[in-house]
C-alpha atoms as a PDB file:
ATOM      1  CA  UNK A   1    -186.713 -54.210-109.623  1.00  0.00           C
ATOM      2  CA  UNK A   2    -189.553 -52.615-108.729  1.00  0.00           C
ATOM      3  CA  UNK A   3    -192.489 -55.003-108.009  1.00  0.00           C
ATOM      4  CA  UNK A   4    -195.641 -52.629-107.436  1.00  0.00           C
ATOM      5  CA  UNK A   5    -197.718 -52.305-110.435  1.00  0.00           C
ATOM      6  CA  UNK A   6    -198.629 -48.392-109.722  1.00  0.00           C
ATOM      7  CA  UNK A   7    -196.122 -45.979-108.908  1.00  0.00           C
ATOM      8  CA  UNK A   8    -196.470 -42.402-107.728  1.00  0.00           C
ATOM      9  CA  UNK A   9    -193.687 -40.778-109.783  1.00  0.00           C
ATOM     10  CA  UNK A  10    -191.788 -37.565-109.106  1.00  0.00           C
ATOM     11  CA  UNK A  11    -189.052 -36.673-112.294  1.00  0.00           C
ATOM     12  CA  UNK A  12    -185.564 -35.010-111.846  1.00  0.00           C
ATOM     13  CA  UNK A  13    -186.588 -31.750-110.880  1.00  0.00           C
ATOM     14  CA  UNK A  14    -188.850 -32.741-108.020  1.00  0.00           C
ATOM     15  CA  UNK A  15    -192.398 -32.278-109.663  1.00  0.00           C
ATOM     16  CA  UNK A  16    -194.859 -34.898-109.459  1.00  0.00           C
ATOM     17  CA  UNK A  17    -195.992 -36.943-112.378  1.00  0.00           C
ATOM     18  CA  UNK A  18    -198.787 -38.691-110.588  1.00  0.00           C
ATOM     19  CA  UNK A  19    -199.334 -42.183-110.416  1.00  0.00           C
ATOM     20  CA  UNK A  20    -198.446 -44.132-113.266  1.00  0.00           C
ATOM     21  CA  UNK A  21    -198.109 -47.700-114.054  1.00  0.00           C
ATOM     22  CA  UNK A  22    -194.745 -49.643-113.926  1.00  0.00           C
ATOM     23  CA  UNK A  23    -194.349 -49.516-117.574  1.00  0.00           C
ATOM     24  CA  UNK A  24    -195.402 -45.828-118.148  1.00  0.00           C
ATOM     25  CA  UNK A  25    -192.977 -45.233-115.950  1.00  0.00           C
ATOM     26  CA  UNK A  26    -190.154 -47.209-117.029  1.00  0.00           C
ATOM     27  CA  UNK A  27    -190.831 -45.824-120.484  1.00  0.00           C
ATOM     28  CA  UNK A  28    -190.671 -42.081-119.193  1.00  0.00           C
ATOM     29  CA  UNK A  29    -187.190 -42.784-117.551  1.00  0.00           C
ATOM     30  CA  UNK A  30    -185.981 -44.464-120.490  1.00  0.00           C
ATOM     31  CA  UNK A  31    -187.188 -41.478-122.877  1.00  0.00           C
ATOM     32  CA  UNK A  32    -185.301 -39.455-120.881  1.00  0.00           C
ATOM     33  CA  UNK A  33    -181.914 -41.403-120.513  1.00  0.00           C
ATOM     34  CA  UNK A  34    -182.550 -41.527-116.915  1.00  0.00           C
ATOM     35  CA  UNK A  35    -183.138 -44.352-114.182  1.00  0.00           C
ATOM     36  CA  UNK A  36    -186.456 -45.082-112.209  1.00  0.00           C
ATOM     37  CA  UNK A  37    -185.544 -45.550-108.580  1.00  0.00           C
ATOM     38  CA  UNK A  38    -187.732 -46.761-105.906  1.00  0.00           C
ATOM     39  CA  UNK A  39    -187.777 -44.187-103.109  1.00  0.00           C
ATOM     40  CA  UNK A  40    -190.198 -45.279-100.547  1.00  0.00           C
ATOM     41  CA  UNK A  41    -191.578 -48.425-101.284  1.00  0.00           C
ATOM     42  CA  UNK A  42    -193.632 -48.937 -97.747  1.00  0.00           C
ATOM     43  CA  UNK A  43    -195.709 -45.835 -99.002  1.00  0.00           C
ATOM     44  CA  UNK A  44    -199.485 -46.468-100.788  1.00  0.00           C
ATOM     45  CA  UNK A  45    -198.519 -46.314-103.453  1.00  0.00           C
ATOM     46  CA  UNK A  46    -194.883 -46.600-103.692  1.00  0.00           C
ATOM     47  CA  UNK A  47    -192.857 -43.554-104.731  1.00  0.00           C
ATOM     48  CA  UNK A  48    -190.144 -43.723-107.544  1.00  0.00           C
ATOM     49  CA  UNK A  49    -188.373 -41.110-108.664  1.00  0.00           C
ATOM     50  CA  UNK A  50    -186.755 -40.684-112.425  1.00  0.00           C
ATOM     51  CA  UNK A  51    -182.865 -39.643-111.637  1.00  0.00           C
ATOM     52  CA  UNK A  52    -179.584 -40.576-112.775  1.00  0.00           C
ATOM     53  CA  UNK A  53    -178.478 -43.309-110.619  1.00  0.00           C
ATOM     54  CA  UNK A  54    -174.625 -43.054-110.988  1.00  0.00           C
ATOM     55  CA  UNK A  55    -175.238 -39.458-110.013  1.00  0.00           C
ATOM     56  CA  UNK A  56    -177.368 -40.395-106.981  1.00  0.00           C
ATOM     57  CA  UNK A  57    -175.164 -42.850-105.703  1.00  0.00           C
ATOM     58  CA  UNK A  58    -172.139 -40.650-105.944  1.00  0.00           C
ATOM     59  CA  UNK A  59    -173.838 -38.007-103.993  1.00  0.00           C
ATOM     60  CA  UNK A  60    -175.183 -40.296-101.400  1.00  0.00           C
ATOM     61  CA  UNK A  61    -171.827 -41.430-100.756  1.00  0.00           C
ATOM     62  CA  UNK A  62    -170.107 -37.999-100.776  1.00  0.00           C
ATOM     63  CA  UNK A  63    -172.918 -37.066 -98.071  1.00  0.00           C
ATOM     64  CA  UNK A  64    -171.607 -40.163 -95.943  1.00  0.00           C
ATOM     65  CA  UNK A  65    -168.377 -39.230 -96.402  1.00  0.00           C
ATOM     66  CA  UNK A  66    -169.429 -35.740 -95.138  1.00  0.00           C
ATOM     67  CA  UNK A  67    -171.254 -36.934 -92.263  1.00  0.00           C
ATOM     68  CA  UNK A  68    -168.415 -39.177 -91.091  1.00  0.00           C
ATOM     69  CA  UNK A  69    -165.562 -36.481 -91.247  1.00  0.00           C
ATOM     70  CA  UNK A  70    -167.770 -33.956 -89.319  1.00  0.00           C
ATOM     71  CA  UNK A  71    -168.578 -36.453 -86.499  1.00  0.00           C
ATOM     72  CA  UNK A  72    -166.683 -36.142 -83.431  1.00  0.00           C
ATOM     73  CA  UNK A  73    -164.939 -39.094 -82.165  1.00  0.00           C
ATOM     74  CA  UNK A  74    -164.076 -39.449 -78.772  1.00  0.00           C
ATOM     75  CA  UNK A  75    -160.919 -41.557 -77.413  1.00  0.00           C
ATOM     76  CA  UNK A  76    -159.937 -42.634 -74.144  1.00  0.00           C
ATOM     77  CA  UNK A  77    -156.214 -42.265 -73.659  1.00  0.00           C
ATOM     78  CA  UNK A  78    -154.950 -44.028 -70.741  1.00  0.00           C
ATOM     79  CA  UNK A  79    -152.121 -42.984 -68.309  1.00  0.00           C
ATOM     80  CA  UNK A  80    -150.353 -45.284 -65.634  1.00  0.00           C
ATOM     81  CA  UNK A  81    -148.991 -44.360 -62.400  1.00  0.00           C
ATOM     82  CA  UNK A  82    -146.943 -46.188 -59.750  1.00  0.00           C
ATOM     83  CA  UNK A  83    -147.617 -45.400 -55.937  1.00  0.00           C
ATOM     84  CA  UNK A  84    -144.023 -44.062 -55.996  1.00  0.00           C
ATOM     85  CA  UNK A  85    -143.713 -42.262 -58.606  1.00  0.00           C
ATOM     86  CA  UNK A  86    -141.040 -39.094 -58.241  1.00  0.00           C
ATOM     87  CA  UNK A  87    -142.253 -35.381 -58.592  1.00  0.00           C
ATOM     88  CA  UNK A  88    -140.265 -34.914 -61.714  1.00  0.00           C
ATOM     89  CA  UNK A  89    -141.830 -38.018 -63.663  1.00  0.00           C
ATOM     90  CA  UNK A  90    -145.250 -37.101 -62.291  1.00  0.00           C
ATOM     91  CA  UNK A  91    -144.817 -33.564 -63.798  1.00  0.00           C
ATOM     92  CA  UNK A  92    -143.818 -35.135 -67.337  1.00  0.00           C
ATOM     93  CA  UNK A  93    -147.025 -37.457 -67.282  1.00  0.00           C
ATOM     94  CA  UNK A  94    -149.372 -34.636 -66.279  1.00  0.00           C
ATOM     95  CA  UNK A  95    -147.856 -32.763 -69.319  1.00  0.00           C
ATOM     96  CA  UNK A  96    -148.533 -35.655 -71.601  1.00  0.00           C
ATOM     97  CA  UNK A  97    -151.997 -35.536 -70.027  1.00  0.00           C
ATOM     98  CA  UNK A  98    -152.555 -31.825 -70.936  1.00  0.00           C
ATOM     99  CA  UNK A  99    -151.818 -32.682 -74.453  1.00  0.00           C
ATOM    100  CA  UNK A 100    -154.124 -35.325 -74.346  1.00  0.00           C
ATOM    101  CA  UNK A 101    -156.812 -33.101 -72.960  1.00  0.00           C
ATOM    102  CA  UNK A 102    -155.934 -30.577 -75.655  1.00  0.00           C
ATOM    103  CA  UNK A 103    -156.590 -32.659 -78.247  1.00  0.00           C
ATOM    104  CA  UNK A 104    -160.321 -33.258 -77.460  1.00  0.00           C
ATOM    105  CA  UNK A 105    -159.443 -36.962 -75.700  1.00  0.00           C
ATOM    106  CA  UNK A 106    -160.409 -38.235 -72.462  1.00  0.00           C
ATOM    107  CA  UNK A 107    -158.076 -39.454 -70.117  1.00  0.00           C
ATOM    108  CA  UNK A 108    -158.087 -42.718 -68.016  1.00  0.00           C
ATOM    109  CA  UNK A 109    -155.893 -42.327 -65.287  1.00  0.00           C
ATOM    110  CA  UNK A 110    -154.838 -45.747 -63.476  1.00  0.00           C
ATOM    111  CA  UNK A 111    -152.508 -45.888 -60.156  1.00  0.00           C
ATOM    112  CA  UNK A 112    -151.477 -49.373 -59.358  1.00  0.00           C
ATOM    113  CA  UNK A 113    -150.539 -50.741 -56.344  1.00  0.00           C
ATOM    114  CA  UNK A 114    -147.854 -53.746 -56.099  1.00  0.00           C
ATOM    115  CA  UNK A 115    -147.653 -56.063 -53.180  1.00  0.00           C
ATOM    116  CA  UNK A 116    -147.845 -54.413 -49.765  1.00  0.00           C
ATOM    117  CA  UNK A 117    -148.508 -50.832 -51.168  1.00  0.00           C
ATOM    118  CA  UNK A 118    -152.307 -52.068 -51.102  1.00  0.00           C
ATOM    119  CA  UNK A 119    -151.919 -51.738 -47.465  1.00  0.00           C
ATOM    120  CA  UNK A 120    -151.534 -48.014 -48.039  1.00  0.00           C
ATOM    121  CA  UNK A 121    -154.576 -46.780 -50.386  1.00  0.00           C
ATOM    122  CA  UNK A 122    -154.902 -43.462 -48.756  1.00  0.00           C
ATOM    123  CA  UNK A 123    -151.462 -42.896 -50.496  1.00  0.00           C
ATOM    124  CA  UNK A 124    -153.180 -43.747 -53.640  1.00  0.00           C
ATOM    125  CA  UNK A 125    -156.269 -41.647 -52.995  1.00  0.00           C
ATOM    126  CA  UNK A 126    -153.274 -38.595 -52.107  1.00  0.00           C
ATOM    127  CA  UNK A 127    -151.863 -39.237 -55.448  1.00  0.00           C
ATOM    128  CA  UNK A 128    -155.011 -38.703 -57.003  1.00  0.00           C
ATOM    129  CA  UNK A 129    -155.769 -35.609 -55.158  1.00  0.00           C
ATOM    130  CA  UNK A 130    -152.296 -34.356 -56.296  1.00  0.00           C
ATOM    131  CA  UNK A 131    -152.517 -35.323 -60.216  1.00  0.00           C
ATOM    132  CA  UNK A 132    -156.555 -33.603 -60.085  1.00  0.00           C
ATOM    133  CA  UNK A 133    -154.959 -30.048 -58.419  1.00  0.00           C
ATOM    134  CA  UNK A 134    -152.216 -30.073 -60.800  1.00  0.00           C
ATOM    135  CA  UNK A 135    -155.189 -29.320 -63.523  1.00  0.00           C
ATOM    136  CA  UNK A 136    -157.314 -27.210 -61.318  1.00  0.00           C
ATOM    137  CA  UNK A 137    -160.606 -25.952 -63.002  1.00  0.00           C
ATOM    138  CA  UNK A 138    -159.382 -26.989 -66.580  1.00  0.00           C
ATOM    139  CA  UNK A 139    -160.789 -30.411 -66.291  1.00  0.00           C
ATOM    140  CA  UNK A 140    -163.917 -32.097 -65.404  1.00  0.00           C
ATOM    141  CA  UNK A 141    -163.997 -35.456 -63.887  1.00  0.00           C
ATOM    142  CA  UNK A 142    -166.169 -37.957 -65.543  1.00  0.00           C
ATOM    143  CA  UNK A 143    -165.561 -40.828 -63.202  1.00  0.00           C
ATOM    144  CA  UNK A 144    -164.552 -40.271 -59.757  1.00  0.00           C
ATOM    145  CA  UNK A 145    -161.343 -42.084 -57.999  1.00  0.00           C
ATOM    146  CA  UNK A 146    -162.264 -45.703 -57.125  1.00  0.00           C
ATOM    147  CA  UNK A 147    -160.688 -48.731 -56.060  1.00  0.00           C
ATOM    148  CA  UNK A 148    -160.740 -51.705 -58.231  1.00  0.00           C
ATOM    149  CA  UNK A 149    -158.729 -54.817 -57.132  1.00  0.00           C
ATOM    150  CA  UNK A 150    -155.136 -53.513 -57.016  1.00  0.00           C
ATOM    151  CA  UNK A 151    -155.895 -50.238 -59.121  1.00  0.00           C
ATOM    152  CA  UNK A 152    -156.932 -46.849 -58.406  1.00  0.00           C
ATOM    153  CA  UNK A 153    -159.073 -45.621 -61.732  1.00  0.00           C
ATOM    154  CA  UNK A 154    -160.719 -42.152 -62.743  1.00  0.00           C
ATOM    155  CA  UNK A 155    -161.341 -40.466 -65.935  1.00  0.00           C
ATOM    156  CA  UNK A 156    -161.003 -36.870 -66.675  1.00  0.00           C
ATOM    157  CA  UNK A 157    -161.934 -34.349 -69.655  1.00  0.00           C
ATOM    158  CA  UNK A 158    -161.199 -31.199 -70.692  1.00  0.00           C
ATOM    159  CA  UNK A 159    -163.773 -28.550 -69.344  1.00  0.00           C
ATOM    160  CA  UNK A 160    -163.702 -26.690 -72.456  1.00  0.00           C
END
């Protein structure tokens, strides 16, 4: 599949064998029972390496899996509050938010208004302040409370 006539060839240990023709490089790889793989096709001349393709592909796949496992993914959880929520219910939801934050997630908190409750937007902002006060300095506010339609939204994350 290699189209270039001349290749800079590197053996399995990483030492350069120099610039060889494609047929010479393929013959060298065949003698060693390995494959000739084009590593850098854009270079002048293109770089090819004599390696075991199955082993190389396996190691590359394992490295990708390892990188994927180490990558930290942030999930945004959501908690919704009604304007007339009771103190005990608020406490239960705050505890649930704490567990979300401890597991490393961001939390989007939505306070929704029904019907004539829109006339008392100040109560929604007071409830938002009450929720934020329940956490103290252990959280950082990513998005300040802002009203959009019939909802008051804000996003918090753990301060750790």
